[in-house]
Amino acid sequence: MYITESTVKRIMKEAGAKRISSDASRYLQKRINVMLFDISKKAVQLSKHAKRKTVDVSDVKLACN
């Protein structure tokens, strides 16, 4: 996994959660990791299409849209 469950719990607490079930944090962890992988994959494709080896912030921004 890319983002740990403890990181997810910390983010949720910063967002105002007082208590977080393990099921909720694990589910969100899985969803975040899938989204992160998908965006990263699109950003890499965009940089390759632009004939660059380096993924730029513009690639990430486009991949997020």
C-alpha atoms as a PDB file:
ATOM      1  CA  MET A   1       0.000   0.000   0.000  1.00  0.00           C
ATOM      2  CA  TYR A   2       1.113   3.520  -0.738  1.00  0.00           C
ATOM      3  CA  ILE A   3      -0.805   5.439   1.926  1.00  0.00           C
ATOM      4  CA  THR A   4      -0.915   3.722   5.301  1.00  0.00           C
ATOM      5  CA  GLU A   5      -4.008   3.244   7.420  1.00  0.00           C
ATOM      6  CA  SER A   6      -2.487   5.357  10.190  1.00  0.00           C
ATOM      7  CA  THR A   7      -2.009   8.222   7.713  1.00  0.00           C
ATOM      8  CA  VAL A   8      -5.654   7.938   6.685  1.00  0.00           C
ATOM      9  CA  LYS A   9      -6.752   8.028  10.317  1.00  0.00           C
ATOM     10  CA  ARG A  10      -4.571  11.076  10.982  1.00  0.00           C
ATOM     11  CA  ILE A  11      -6.092  12.913   7.991  1.00  0.00           C
ATOM     12  CA  MET A  12      -9.611  11.995   9.092  1.00  0.00           C
ATOM     13  CA  LYS A  13      -8.882  13.299  12.613  1.00  0.00           C
ATOM     14  CA  GLU A  14      -7.537  16.548  11.167  1.00  0.00           C
ATOM     15  CA  ALA A  15     -10.806  16.766   9.198  1.00  0.00           C
ATOM     16  CA  GLY A  16     -12.708  16.616  12.480  1.00  0.00           C
ATOM     17  CA  ALA A  17     -13.416  12.936  13.173  1.00  0.00           C
ATOM     18  CA  LYS A  18     -13.338  12.046  16.850  1.00  0.00           C
ATOM     19  CA  ARG A  19     -13.446   8.292  16.345  1.00  0.00           C
ATOM     20  CA  ILE A  20     -12.837   6.206  13.215  1.00  0.00           C
ATOM     21  CA  SER A  21     -13.739   2.567  12.733  1.00  0.00           C
ATOM     22  CA  SER A  22     -11.069   0.279  11.311  1.00  0.00           C
ATOM     23  CA  ASP A  23     -13.430  -0.686   8.484  1.00  0.00           C
ATOM     24  CA  ALA A  24     -13.858   2.970   7.499  1.00  0.00           C
ATOM     25  CA  SER A  25     -10.146   3.752   7.538  1.00  0.00           C
ATOM     26  CA  ARG A  26      -9.232   0.579   5.611  1.00  0.00           C
ATOM     27  CA  TYR A  27     -11.904   1.260   2.996  1.00  0.00           C
ATOM     28  CA  LEU A  28     -10.771   4.857   2.533  1.00  0.00           C
ATOM     29  CA  GLN A  29      -7.144   3.694   2.420  1.00  0.00           C
ATOM     30  CA  LYS A  30      -7.929   1.304  -0.436  1.00  0.00           C
ATOM     31  CA  ARG A  31      -9.889   3.956  -2.361  1.00  0.00           C
ATOM     32  CA  ILE A  32      -7.136   6.571  -1.930  1.00  0.00           C
ATOM     33  CA  ASN A  33      -4.462   4.146  -3.078  1.00  0.00           C
ATOM     34  CA  VAL A  34      -6.447   3.181  -6.190  1.00  0.00           C
ATOM     35  CA  MET A  35      -7.047   6.838  -7.024  1.00  0.00           C
ATOM     36  CA  LEU A  36      -3.379   7.690  -6.420  1.00  0.00           C
ATOM     37  CA  PHE A  37      -2.235   4.871  -8.703  1.00  0.00           C
ATOM     38  CA  ASP A  38      -4.703   5.830 -11.460  1.00  0.00           C
ATOM     39  CA  ILE A  39      -3.695   9.499 -11.396  1.00  0.00           C
ATOM     40  CA  SER A  40      -0.013   8.578 -11.374  1.00  0.00           C
ATOM     41  CA  LYS A  41      -0.459   6.241 -14.312  1.00  0.00           C
ATOM     42  CA  LYS A  42      -2.250   8.951 -16.336  1.00  0.00           C
ATOM     43  CA  ALA A  43       0.437  11.510 -15.446  1.00  0.00           C
ATOM     44  CA  VAL A  44       3.178   9.163 -16.652  1.00  0.00           C
ATOM     45  CA  GLN A  45       1.303   8.584 -19.913  1.00  0.00           C
ATOM     46  CA  LEU A  46       0.958  12.335 -20.419  1.00  0.00           C
ATOM     47  CA  SER A  47       4.669  12.924 -19.881  1.00  0.00           C
ATOM     48  CA  LYS A  48       5.529  10.130 -22.317  1.00  0.00           C
ATOM     49  CA  HIS A  49       3.138  11.597 -24.870  1.00  0.00           C
ATOM     50  CA  ALA A  50       4.967  14.924 -24.507  1.00  0.00           C
ATOM     51  CA  LYS A  51       8.233  13.010 -25.113  1.00  0.00           C
ATOM     52  CA  ARG A  52       9.541  13.802 -21.633  1.00  0.00           C
ATOM     53  CA  LYS A  53      11.055  11.458 -19.078  1.00  0.00           C
ATOM     54  CA  THR A  54      10.129  13.676 -16.144  1.00  0.00           C
ATOM     55  CA  VAL A  55       6.564  13.871 -14.880  1.00  0.00           C
ATOM     56  CA  ASP A  56       5.775  17.560 -14.494  1.00  0.00           C
ATOM     57  CA  VAL A  57       3.173  19.293 -12.321  1.00  0.00           C
ATOM     58  CA  SER A  58       1.181  20.024 -15.479  1.00  0.00           C
ATOM     59  CA  ASP A  59       0.939  16.261 -16.141  1.00  0.00           C
ATOM     60  CA  VAL A  60      -0.401  15.664 -12.648  1.00  0.00           C
ATOM     61  CA  LYS A  61      -2.900  18.525 -12.940  1.00  0.00           C
ATOM     62  CA  LEU A  62      -4.194  17.181 -16.255  1.00  0.00           C
ATOM     63  CA  ALA A  63      -4.373  13.662 -14.864  1.00  0.00           C
ATOM     64  CA  CYS A  64      -6.500  14.900 -11.966  1.00  0.00           C
ATOM     65  CA  ASN A  65      -9.121  16.394 -14.278  1.00  0.00           C
END
